[in-house]
Structures are given as C-alpha cells and as structure tokens.
Protein backbone atom coordinates (compact mmCIF):
# COMPACT_ATOMS: atom_id res chain seq x y z
CA MET A 1 -0.13 -0.26 -0.06
CA LYS A 2 1.34 4.09 -1.31
CA ASN A 3 0.96 6.45 1.71
CA SER A 4 1.65 9.00 -1.09
CA LEU A 5 0.75 10.91 -4.51
CA SER A 6 3.26 12.21 -7.13
CA TYR A 7 2.15 15.06 -9.05
CA LYS A 8 4.77 17.51 -11.39
CA ASP A 9 7.80 15.94 -9.32
CA TYR A 10 5.88 17.19 -5.89
CA THR A 11 5.19 14.29 -2.86
CA GLY A 12 2.02 14.40 -1.09
CA SER A 13 1.45 12.43 1.91
CA VAL A 14 -1.51 10.45 2.16
CA GLU A 15 -3.85 9.81 5.91
CA PHE A 16 -7.21 9.09 7.06
CA SER A 17 -9.15 10.44 9.78
CA GLU A 18 -11.37 7.93 10.96
CA GLU A 19 -13.12 10.16 13.57
CA ASP A 20 -14.10 13.14 10.79
CA GLY A 21 -13.81 10.25 7.78
CA VAL A 22 -11.37 12.20 4.96
CA PHE A 23 -8.56 11.22 3.79
CA HIS A 24 -6.07 14.04 4.23
CA GLY A 25 -2.17 14.90 3.51
CA LYS A 26 0.23 17.61 2.74
CA VAL A 27 2.98 18.34 0.06
CA ILE A 28 6.45 16.74 1.84
CA GLY A 29 9.65 18.52 1.18
CA ILE A 30 8.63 22.10 0.55
CA LYS A 31 8.19 25.14 3.01
CA PRO A 32 5.49 26.60 2.26
CA SER A 33 2.61 24.15 3.78
CA ILE A 34 0.11 23.19 0.73
CA SER A 35 -2.12 20.78 2.28
CA PHE A 36 -5.19 18.76 0.91
CA GLU A 37 -8.28 16.61 1.71
CA GLY A 38 -11.18 14.22 0.40
CA ASP A 39 -13.77 11.72 1.45
CA SER A 40 -12.77 9.76 -1.22
CA VAL A 41 -9.18 8.48 -2.73
CA GLN A 42 -10.89 10.31 -6.51
CA SER A 43 -11.47 13.80 -4.44
CA LEU A 44 -8.34 13.23 -2.25
CA THR A 45 -6.29 13.20 -5.53
CA GLN A 46 -8.49 15.90 -7.49
CA ASP A 47 -7.82 18.10 -4.69
CA PHE A 48 -3.70 17.64 -4.43
CA THR A 49 -3.31 17.86 -7.69
CA ASN A 50 -5.48 21.25 -7.51
CA ALA A 51 -3.36 22.15 -4.57
CA ILE A 52 0.09 21.55 -6.61
CA ASP A 53 -1.94 23.93 -9.81
CA GLU A 54 -2.73 26.79 -7.19
CA TYR A 55 0.41 26.61 -5.88
CA LEU A 56 2.14 27.09 -9.27
CA ASP A 57 -0.17 29.23 -10.40
CA PHE A 58 0.78 31.74 -7.60
CA CYS A 59 4.16 31.66 -7.62
CA HIS A 60 4.19 32.82 -11.52
CA SER A 61 1.26 35.42 -10.69
CA LYS A 62 3.74 36.88 -8.42
CA GLY A 63 7.09 36.27 -10.06
CA ILE A 64 8.36 34.18 -7.50
CA THR A 65 9.83 31.13 -8.37
CA PRO A 66 8.16 27.06 -7.15
CA GLU A 67 9.94 25.32 -4.62
CA ARG A 68 11.74 22.30 -5.79
CA PRO A 69 11.31 19.71 -3.31
CA PHE A 70 14.20 17.06 -3.38
CA LYS A 71 17.11 19.46 -4.57
CA GLY A 72 19.31 16.73 -3.87
CA SER A 73 21.24 18.36 -0.76
CA PHE A 74 20.69 17.85 2.87
CA ASN A 75 22.66 18.25 6.49
CA VAL A 76 22.61 15.29 8.46
CA ARG A 77 23.83 15.46 12.05
CA ILE A 78 25.95 12.21 13.29
CA ALA A 79 28.01 11.43 16.02
CA PRO A 80 31.97 12.76 16.01
CA GLU A 81 33.06 9.23 15.81
CA LEU A 82 30.98 7.34 13.34
CA HIS A 83 31.46 10.92 11.18
CA ARG A 84 35.07 9.84 11.35
CA LYS A 85 34.67 6.52 10.83
CA ALA A 86 32.75 7.09 7.68
CA ALA A 87 35.31 10.01 7.04
CA THR A 88 38.53 7.42 6.68
CA LEU A 89 36.53 4.77 5.25
CA ALA A 90 35.75 6.45 2.01
CA SER A 91 39.73 7.46 2.01
CA GLU A 92 41.06 4.12 1.95
CA TYR A 93 37.97 3.25 -1.27
CA GLY A 94 39.32 6.45 -2.46
CA VAL A 95 36.21 8.03 -2.68
CA SER A 96 34.67 11.71 -1.14
CA LEU A 97 32.25 11.46 1.74
CA ASN A 98 29.75 12.31 -0.01
CA SER A 99 29.77 9.52 -2.58
CA LEU A 100 30.46 6.77 0.36
CA VAL A 101 27.23 8.41 1.96
CA GLU A 102 25.22 8.18 -0.92
CA ASP A 103 26.51 4.94 -1.68
CA ALA A 104 24.79 4.07 1.79
CA ILE A 105 21.79 5.08 1.22
CA LYS A 106 21.37 3.72 -2.40
CA THR A 107 21.69 0.26 -0.49
CA LYS A 108 19.63 1.58 1.89
CA VAL A 109 16.74 2.53 0.07
CA GLY A 110 17.22 0.88 -3.29
C-alpha cells in the first residue's frame, strides 16, 4: 500500500482520519505548507493536484520561483566518532565522503 501521491514532481503524504471520515495530507519536501483532503481517493487526488496547480499559478503570478522538493542536498548530523569512521573509510576507498554516504543510502533505500 502506498501512502503518498505524486504530481509534477511533488509528493503528498496520505493519511486517513477515522474520526472525521476523510483522507488528508500535505505536500512534503518544501517549506510552504500545502495541504489537501477528500472523502474518497478520487476527491483526495483531485484536491492534491488542484493544490499543486494553485501553488504553481500563485508563484507564477507573483514572479516567484516555485520551491522544488528534494534538491539532492541535505545536512545530516551524526556522532563525531561515526563521522570520523565514515571519512576514514571514504579515504581508504579513494572516494569522497559524499559518495560514500550516497552509496550507503542507495544500498539501504534501493
């Protein structure tokens, strides 16, 4: 079961509120808060795509570049000892620390 929606390179989370009897979600990976909801999968999907289109139209009308999710860069905080071990291992393999971390994530995520 997939708990997300995708449209125009944006991803939205999907949750269900039993209490309210609606599906709801928000666009992930960007700072602006964009939410959507629906009482069926079809209405949820429609509200999600409408929310993305409205965001893009708003940005265009204001001359703002829309924020793009998942730019491929992020900061990770880890224990200094793990950082040292990773940097040492990267050096032993003759690769950058960034390449080592990217390979580790690819292995884990697939």
